[in-house]
Amino acid sequence: FAIYYLNNILIYSKTLAKYKEYVKKVLNILYEYKLSINIEKNKFYIKEIIFFRYLILENKVRIKLNKVEAIRN
């Protein structure tokens, strides 16, 4: 339900209720280990995002098109 890389965390779920549960778990773990986040830089409840060259949609994951074009040409 979570993917992390350096200072990026992606939390995902099929339902809003589960998503809220997962966000709480991740925030509690960060708090437990005395790690902080900049709440102004975070995005919650979004249905699409570009995360490490992937366009992640509600029911799909795609490679960003410009990355594919660079390989084709």
PDB file of N, CA and C in Angstrom:
ATOM      1  N   PHE A   1       0.800  -1.207   0.000  1.00  0.00           N
ATOM      2  CA  PHE A   1       0.000   0.000   0.000  1.00  0.00           C
ATOM      3  C   PHE A   1       0.837   1.262   0.000  1.00  0.00           C
ATOM      4  N   ALA A   2       2.167   1.099   0.021  1.00  0.00           N
ATOM      5  CA  ALA A   2       3.041   2.272  -0.012  1.00  0.00           C
ATOM      6  C   ALA A   2       4.325   1.945  -0.753  1.00  0.00           C
ATOM      7  N   ILE A   3       4.789   2.914  -1.510  1.00  0.00           N
ATOM      8  CA  ILE A   3       6.069   2.822  -2.209  1.00  0.00           C
ATOM      9  C   ILE A   3       6.865   4.043  -1.779  1.00  0.00           C
ATOM     10  N   TYR A   4       8.119   3.845  -1.459  1.00  0.00           N
ATOM     11  CA  TYR A   4       8.934   4.993  -1.072  1.00  0.00           C
ATOM     12  C   TYR A   4      10.274   4.944  -1.785  1.00  0.00           C
ATOM     13  N   TYR A   5      10.821   6.113  -2.022  1.00  0.00           N
ATOM     14  CA  TYR A   5      12.142   6.258  -2.625  1.00  0.00           C
ATOM     15  C   TYR A   5      12.697   7.596  -2.172  1.00  0.00           C
ATOM     16  N   LEU A   6      13.803   7.547  -1.458  1.00  0.00           N
ATOM     17  CA  LEU A   6      14.422   8.744  -0.889  1.00  0.00           C
ATOM     18  C   LEU A   6      13.393   9.529  -0.076  1.00  0.00           C
ATOM     19  N   ASN A   7      12.995  10.686  -0.534  1.00  0.00           N
ATOM     20  CA  ASN A   7      12.033  11.473   0.250  1.00  0.00           C
ATOM     21  C   ASN A   7      10.644  11.495  -0.380  1.00  0.00           C
ATOM     22  N   ASN A   8      10.334  10.480  -1.159  1.00  0.00           N
ATOM     23  CA  ASN A   8       9.021  10.383  -1.800  1.00  0.00           C
ATOM     24  C   ASN A   8       8.279   9.166  -1.270  1.00  0.00           C
ATOM     25  N   ILE A   9       7.030   9.357  -0.914  1.00  0.00           N
ATOM     26  CA  ILE A   9       6.183   8.257  -0.461  1.00  0.00           C
ATOM     27  C   ILE A   9       4.894   8.308  -1.269  1.00  0.00           C
ATOM     28  N   LEU A  10       4.549   7.188  -1.869  1.00  0.00           N
ATOM     29  CA  LEU A  10       3.287   7.068  -2.594  1.00  0.00           C
ATOM     30  C   LEU A  10       2.421   6.069  -1.838  1.00  0.00           C
ATOM     31  N   ILE A  11       1.262   6.515  -1.397  1.00  0.00           N
ATOM     32  CA  ILE A  11       0.326   5.652  -0.680  1.00  0.00           C
ATOM     33  C   ILE A  11      -0.881   5.456  -1.589  1.00  0.00           C
ATOM     34  N   TYR A  12      -1.281   4.211  -1.757  1.00  0.00           N
ATOM     35  CA  TYR A  12      -2.370   3.919  -2.687  1.00  0.00           C
ATOM     36  C   TYR A  12      -3.310   2.870  -2.102  1.00  0.00           C
ATOM     37  N   SER A  13      -4.517   2.842  -2.628  1.00  0.00           N
ATOM     38  CA  SER A  13      -5.521   1.902  -2.155  1.00  0.00           C
ATOM     39  C   SER A  13      -6.667   1.843  -3.154  1.00  0.00           C
ATOM     40  N   LYS A  14      -7.444   0.775  -3.075  1.00  0.00           N
ATOM     41  CA  LYS A  14      -8.616   0.658  -3.940  1.00  0.00           C
ATOM     42  C   LYS A  14      -9.816   1.419  -3.390  1.00  0.00           C
ATOM     43  N   THR A  15      -9.840   1.640  -2.086  1.00  0.00           N
ATOM     44  CA  THR A  15     -10.974   2.349  -1.485  1.00  0.00           C
ATOM     45  C   THR A  15     -10.487   3.542  -0.665  1.00  0.00           C
ATOM     46  N   LEU A  16     -11.342   4.508  -0.509  1.00  0.00           N
ATOM     47  CA  LEU A  16     -11.011   5.693   0.272  1.00  0.00           C
ATOM     48  C   LEU A  16     -10.805   5.337   1.747  1.00  0.00           C
ATOM     49  N   ALA A  17     -11.622   4.436   2.264  1.00  0.00           N
ATOM     50  CA  ALA A  17     -11.494   4.037   3.671  1.00  0.00           C
ATOM     51  C   ALA A  17     -10.128   3.403   3.930  1.00  0.00           C
ATOM     52  N   LYS A  18      -9.706   2.507   3.053  1.00  0.00           N
ATOM     53  CA  LYS A  18      -8.393   1.870   3.199  1.00  0.00           C
ATOM     54  C   LYS A  18      -7.284   2.897   3.032  1.00  0.00           C
ATOM     55  N   TYR A  19      -7.456   3.809   2.094  1.00  0.00           N
ATOM     56  CA  TYR A  19      -6.457   4.854   1.874  1.00  0.00           C
ATOM     57  C   TYR A  19      -6.234   5.659   3.155  1.00  0.00           C
ATOM     58  N   LYS A  20      -7.318   6.066   3.795  1.00  0.00           N
ATOM     59  CA  LYS A  20      -7.210   6.829   5.044  1.00  0.00           C
ATOM     60  C   LYS A  20      -6.484   6.018   6.110  1.00  0.00           C
ATOM     61  N   GLU A  21      -6.793   4.736   6.186  1.00  0.00           N
ATOM     62  CA  GLU A  21      -6.128   3.845   7.146  1.00  0.00           C
ATOM     63  C   GLU A  21      -4.626   3.786   6.869  1.00  0.00           C
ATOM     64  N   TYR A  22      -4.258   3.650   5.603  1.00  0.00           N
ATOM     65  CA  TYR A  22      -2.846   3.553   5.226  1.00  0.00           C
ATOM     66  C   TYR A  22      -2.100   4.863   5.497  1.00  0.00           C
ATOM     67  N   VAL A  23      -2.745   5.980   5.223  1.00  0.00           N
ATOM     68  CA  VAL A  23      -2.113   7.279   5.496  1.00  0.00           C
ATOM     69  C   VAL A  23      -1.826   7.402   6.987  1.00  0.00           C
ATOM     70  N   LYS A  24      -2.789   7.028   7.812  1.00  0.00           N
ATOM     71  CA  LYS A  24      -2.580   7.078   9.263  1.00  0.00           C
ATOM     72  C   LYS A  24      -1.419   6.183   9.683  1.00  0.00           C
ATOM     73  N   LYS A  25      -1.346   4.977   9.116  1.00  0.00           N
ATOM     74  CA  LYS A  25      -0.253   4.061   9.455  1.00  0.00           C
ATOM     75  C   LYS A  25       1.098   4.661   9.098  1.00  0.00           C
ATOM     76  N   VAL A  26       1.197   5.202   7.899  1.00  0.00           N
ATOM     77  CA  VAL A  26       2.466   5.781   7.451  1.00  0.00           C
ATOM     78  C   VAL A  26       2.839   6.978   8.322  1.00  0.00           C
ATOM     79  N   LEU A  27       1.889   7.848   8.594  1.00  0.00           N
ATOM     80  CA  LEU A  27       2.178   9.010   9.439  1.00  0.00           C
ATOM     81  C   LEU A  27       2.581   8.591  10.852  1.00  0.00           C
ATOM     82  N   ASN A  28       1.952   7.558  11.382  1.00  0.00           N
ATOM     83  CA  ASN A  28       2.327   7.059  12.709  1.00  0.00           C
ATOM     84  C   ASN A  28       3.740   6.492  12.719  1.00  0.00           C
ATOM     85  N   ILE A  29       4.116   5.785  11.675  1.00  0.00           N
ATOM     86  CA  ILE A  29       5.474   5.239  11.582  1.00  0.00           C
ATOM     87  C   ILE A  29       6.489   6.375  11.494  1.00  0.00           C
ATOM     88  N   LEU A  30       6.196   7.369  10.678  1.00  0.00           N
ATOM     89  CA  LEU A  30       7.096   8.521  10.579  1.00  0.00           C
ATOM     90  C   LEU A  30       7.251   9.197  11.942  1.00  0.00           C
ATOM     91  N   TYR A  31       6.149   9.364  12.640  1.00  0.00           N
ATOM     92  CA  TYR A  31       6.182   9.985  13.969  1.00  0.00           C
ATOM     93  C   TYR A  31       6.987   9.133  14.951  1.00  0.00           C
ATOM     94  N   GLU A  32       6.769   7.823  14.904  1.00  0.00           N
ATOM     95  CA  GLU A  32       7.465   6.902  15.808  1.00  0.00           C
ATOM     96  C   GLU A  32       8.981   7.003  15.653  1.00  0.00           C
ATOM     97  N   TYR A  33       9.441   7.183  14.425  1.00  0.00           N
ATOM     98  CA  TYR A  33      10.878   7.270  14.164  1.00  0.00           C
ATOM     99  C   TYR A  33      11.382   8.719  14.110  1.00  0.00           C
ATOM    100  N   LYS A  34      10.540   9.626  14.587  1.00  0.00           N
ATOM    101  CA  LYS A  34      10.889  11.051  14.679  1.00  0.00           C
ATOM    102  C   LYS A  34      11.270  11.659  13.323  1.00  0.00           C
ATOM    103  N   LEU A  35      10.540  11.230  12.307  1.00  0.00           N
ATOM    104  CA  LEU A  35      10.722  11.783  10.966  1.00  0.00           C
ATOM    105  C   LEU A  35       9.584  12.759  10.704  1.00  0.00           C
ATOM    106  N   SER A  36       9.870  13.798   9.969  1.00  0.00           N
ATOM    107  CA  SER A  36       8.840  14.799   9.710  1.00  0.00           C
ATOM    108  C   SER A  36       8.603  14.943   8.213  1.00  0.00           C
ATOM    109  N   ILE A  37       7.455  15.503   7.888  1.00  0.00           N
ATOM    110  CA  ILE A  37       7.124  15.799   6.496  1.00  0.00           C
ATOM    111  C   ILE A  37       6.712  17.261   6.412  1.00  0.00           C
ATOM    112  N   ASN A  38       6.876  17.817   5.236  1.00  0.00           N
ATOM    113  CA  ASN A  38       6.393  19.170   4.985  1.00  0.00           C
ATOM    114  C   ASN A  38       4.985  19.031   4.420  1.00  0.00           C
ATOM    115  N   ILE A  39       4.006  19.271   5.238  1.00  0.00           N
ATOM    116  CA  ILE A  39       2.617  19.045   4.854  1.00  0.00           C
ATOM    117  C   ILE A  39       2.214  19.879   3.640  1.00  0.00           C
ATOM    118  N   GLU A  40       2.849  21.020   3.431  1.00  0.00           N
ATOM    119  CA  GLU A  40       2.514  21.878   2.293  1.00  0.00           C
ATOM    120  C   GLU A  40       2.960  21.269   0.967  1.00  0.00           C
ATOM    121  N   LYS A  41       3.931  20.372   0.998  1.00  0.00           N
ATOM    122  CA  LYS A  41       4.418  19.742  -0.229  1.00  0.00           C
ATOM    123  C   LYS A  41       3.692  18.440  -0.542  1.00  0.00           C
ATOM    124  N   ASN A  42       2.801  18.015   0.321  1.00  0.00           N
ATOM    125  CA  ASN A  42       2.105  16.747   0.138  1.00  0.00           C
ATOM    126  C   ASN A  42       0.805  16.930  -0.618  1.00  0.00           C
ATOM    127  N   LYS A  43       0.420  15.867  -1.308  1.00  0.00           N
ATOM    128  CA  LYS A  43      -0.858  15.842  -2.012  1.00  0.00           C
ATOM    129  C   LYS A  43      -1.613  14.614  -1.529  1.00  0.00           C
ATOM    130  N   PHE A  44      -2.852  14.819  -1.137  1.00  0.00           N
ATOM    131  CA  PHE A  44      -3.678  13.726  -0.653  1.00  0.00           C
ATOM    132  C   PHE A  44      -4.932  13.617  -1.515  1.00  0.00           C
ATOM    133  N   TYR A  45      -5.476  12.421  -1.597  1.00  0.00           N
ATOM    134  CA  TYR A  45      -6.740  12.156  -2.287  1.00  0.00           C
ATOM    135  C   TYR A  45      -6.713  12.557  -3.761  1.00  0.00           C
ATOM    136  N   ILE A  46      -5.621  12.264  -4.440  1.00  0.00           N
ATOM    137  CA  ILE A  46      -5.560  12.579  -5.866  1.00  0.00           C
ATOM    138  C   ILE A  46      -5.792  11.305  -6.668  1.00  0.00           C
ATOM    139  N   LYS A  47      -6.313  11.455  -7.871  1.00  0.00           N
ATOM    140  CA  LYS A  47      -6.655  10.290  -8.682  1.00  0.00           C
ATOM    141  C   LYS A  47      -5.654  10.020  -9.788  1.00  0.00           C
ATOM    142  N   GLU A  48      -4.718  10.934  -9.985  1.00  0.00           N
ATOM    143  CA  GLU A  48      -3.633  10.666 -10.934  1.00  0.00           C
ATOM    144  C   GLU A  48      -2.398  11.453 -10.527  1.00  0.00           C
ATOM    145  N   ILE A  49      -1.240  10.841 -10.782  1.00  0.00           N
ATOM    146  CA  ILE A  49       0.023  11.462 -10.403  1.00  0.00           C
ATOM    147  C   ILE A  49       1.131  10.894 -11.278  1.00  0.00           C
ATOM    148  N   ILE A  50       2.140  11.700 -11.506  1.00  0.00           N
ATOM    149  CA  ILE A  50       3.344  11.206 -12.168  1.00  0.00           C
ATOM    150  C   ILE A  50       4.327  10.884 -11.056  1.00  0.00           C
ATOM    151  N   PHE A  51       4.752   9.641 -10.999  1.00  0.00           N
ATOM    152  CA  PHE A  51       5.645   9.168  -9.946  1.00  0.00           C
ATOM    153  C   PHE A  51       6.758   8.374 -10.599  1.00  0.00           C
ATOM    154  N   PHE A  52       7.956   8.944 -10.614  1.00  0.00           N
ATOM    155  CA  PHE A  52       9.137   8.307 -11.202  1.00  0.00           C
ATOM    156  C   PHE A  52       8.883   7.771 -12.612  1.00  0.00           C
ATOM    157  N   ARG A  53       8.560   8.683 -13.501  1.00  0.00           N
ATOM    158  CA  ARG A  53       8.372   8.399 -14.924  1.00  0.00           C
ATOM    159  C   ARG A  53       7.114   7.596 -15.245  1.00  0.00           C
ATOM    160  N   TYR A  54       6.282   7.348 -14.278  1.00  0.00           N
ATOM    161  CA  TYR A  54       5.041   6.619 -14.516  1.00  0.00           C
ATOM    162  C   TYR A  54       3.859   7.532 -14.255  1.00  0.00           C
ATOM    163  N   LEU A  55       2.889   7.450 -15.144  1.00  0.00           N
ATOM    164  CA  LEU A  55       1.624   8.140 -14.940  1.00  0.00           C
ATOM    165  C   LEU A  55       0.709   7.127 -14.264  1.00  0.00           C
ATOM    166  N   ILE A  56       0.358   7.396 -13.032  1.00  0.00           N
ATOM    167  CA  ILE A  56      -0.471   6.474 -12.269  1.00  0.00           C
ATOM    168  C   ILE A  56      -1.874   7.055 -12.213  1.00  0.00           C
ATOM    169  N   LEU A  57      -2.813   6.312 -12.784  1.00  0.00           N
ATOM    170  CA  LEU A  57      -4.212   6.716 -12.812  1.00  0.00           C
ATOM    171  C   LEU A  57      -5.001   5.829 -11.858  1.00  0.00           C
ATOM    172  N   GLU A  58      -6.271   6.086 -11.750  1.00  0.00           N
ATOM    173  CA  GLU A  58      -7.099   5.341 -10.804  1.00  0.00           C
ATOM    174  C   GLU A  58      -7.034   3.828 -11.027  1.00  0.00           C
ATOM    175  N   ASN A  59      -7.062   3.382 -12.267  1.00  0.00           N
ATOM    176  CA  ASN A  59      -7.057   1.942 -12.541  1.00  0.00           C
ATOM    177  C   ASN A  59      -5.963   1.519 -13.507  1.00  0.00           C
ATOM    178  N   LYS A  60      -4.981   2.385 -13.757  1.00  0.00           N
ATOM    179  CA  LYS A  60      -3.939   2.090 -14.742  1.00  0.00           C
ATOM    180  C   LYS A  60      -2.611   2.679 -14.310  1.00  0.00           C
ATOM    181  N   VAL A  61      -1.555   2.079 -14.825  1.00  0.00           N
ATOM    182  CA  VAL A  61      -0.215   2.638 -14.670  1.00  0.00           C
ATOM    183  C   VAL A  61       0.391   2.674 -16.063  1.00  0.00           C
ATOM    184  N   ARG A  62       0.892   3.831 -16.468  1.00  0.00           N
ATOM    185  CA  ARG A  62       1.485   3.981 -17.801  1.00  0.00           C
ATOM    186  C   ARG A  62       2.831   4.666 -17.691  1.00  0.00           C
ATOM    187  N   ILE A  63       3.711   4.346 -18.628  1.00  0.00           N
ATOM    188  CA  ILE A  63       4.980   5.054 -18.720  1.00  0.00           C
ATOM    189  C   ILE A  63       4.683   6.415 -19.328  1.00  0.00           C
ATOM    190  N   LYS A  64       5.334   7.452 -18.828  1.00  0.00           N
ATOM    191  CA  LYS A  64       5.125   8.782 -19.401  1.00  0.00           C
ATOM    192  C   LYS A  64       5.471   8.751 -20.881  1.00  0.00           C
ATOM    193  N   LEU A  65       4.615   9.296 -21.702  1.00  0.00           N
ATOM    194  CA  LEU A  65       4.754   9.226 -23.147  1.00  0.00           C
ATOM    195  C   LEU A  65       6.060   9.815 -23.644  1.00  0.00           C
ATOM    196  N   ASN A  66       6.526  10.924 -23.087  1.00  0.00           N
ATOM    197  CA  ASN A  66       7.763  11.525 -23.585  1.00  0.00           C
ATOM    198  C   ASN A  66       8.959  10.607 -23.352  1.00  0.00           C
ATOM    199  N   LYS A  67       8.911   9.747 -22.357  1.00  0.00           N
ATOM    200  CA  LYS A  67       9.989   8.778 -22.136  1.00  0.00           C
ATOM    201  C   LYS A  67       9.955   7.706 -23.221  1.00  0.00           C
ATOM    202  N   VAL A  68       8.775   7.290 -23.619  1.00  0.00           N
ATOM    203  CA  VAL A  68       8.632   6.299 -24.682  1.00  0.00           C
ATOM    204  C   VAL A  68       9.085   6.890 -26.009  1.00  0.00           C
ATOM    205  N   GLU A  69       8.725   8.136 -26.277  1.00  0.00           N
ATOM    206  CA  GLU A  69       9.126   8.804 -27.516  1.00  0.00           C
ATOM    207  C   GLU A  69      10.642   8.897 -27.621  1.00  0.00           C
ATOM    208  N   ALA A  70      11.316   9.168 -26.528  1.00  0.00           N
ATOM    209  CA  ALA A  70      12.776   9.257 -26.548  1.00  0.00           C
ATOM    210  C   ALA A  70      13.397   7.920 -26.939  1.00  0.00           C
ATOM    211  N   ILE A  71      12.793   6.836 -26.522  1.00  0.00           N
ATOM    212  CA  ILE A  71      13.298   5.506 -26.874  1.00  0.00           C
ATOM    213  C   ILE A  71      12.998   5.196 -28.332  1.00  0.00           C
ATOM    214  N   ARG A  72      11.810   5.555 -28.805  1.00  0.00           N
ATOM    215  CA  ARG A  72      11.414   5.279 -30.191  1.00  0.00           C
ATOM    216  C   ARG A  72      12.292   6.025 -31.186  1.00  0.00           C
ATOM    217  N   ASN A  73      12.672   7.239 -30.859  1.00  0.00           N
ATOM    218  CA  ASN A  73      13.443   8.064 -31.790  1.00  0.00           C
ATOM    219  C   ASN A  73      14.879   7.904 -31.454  1.00  0.00           C
TER     220      ASN A  73
END
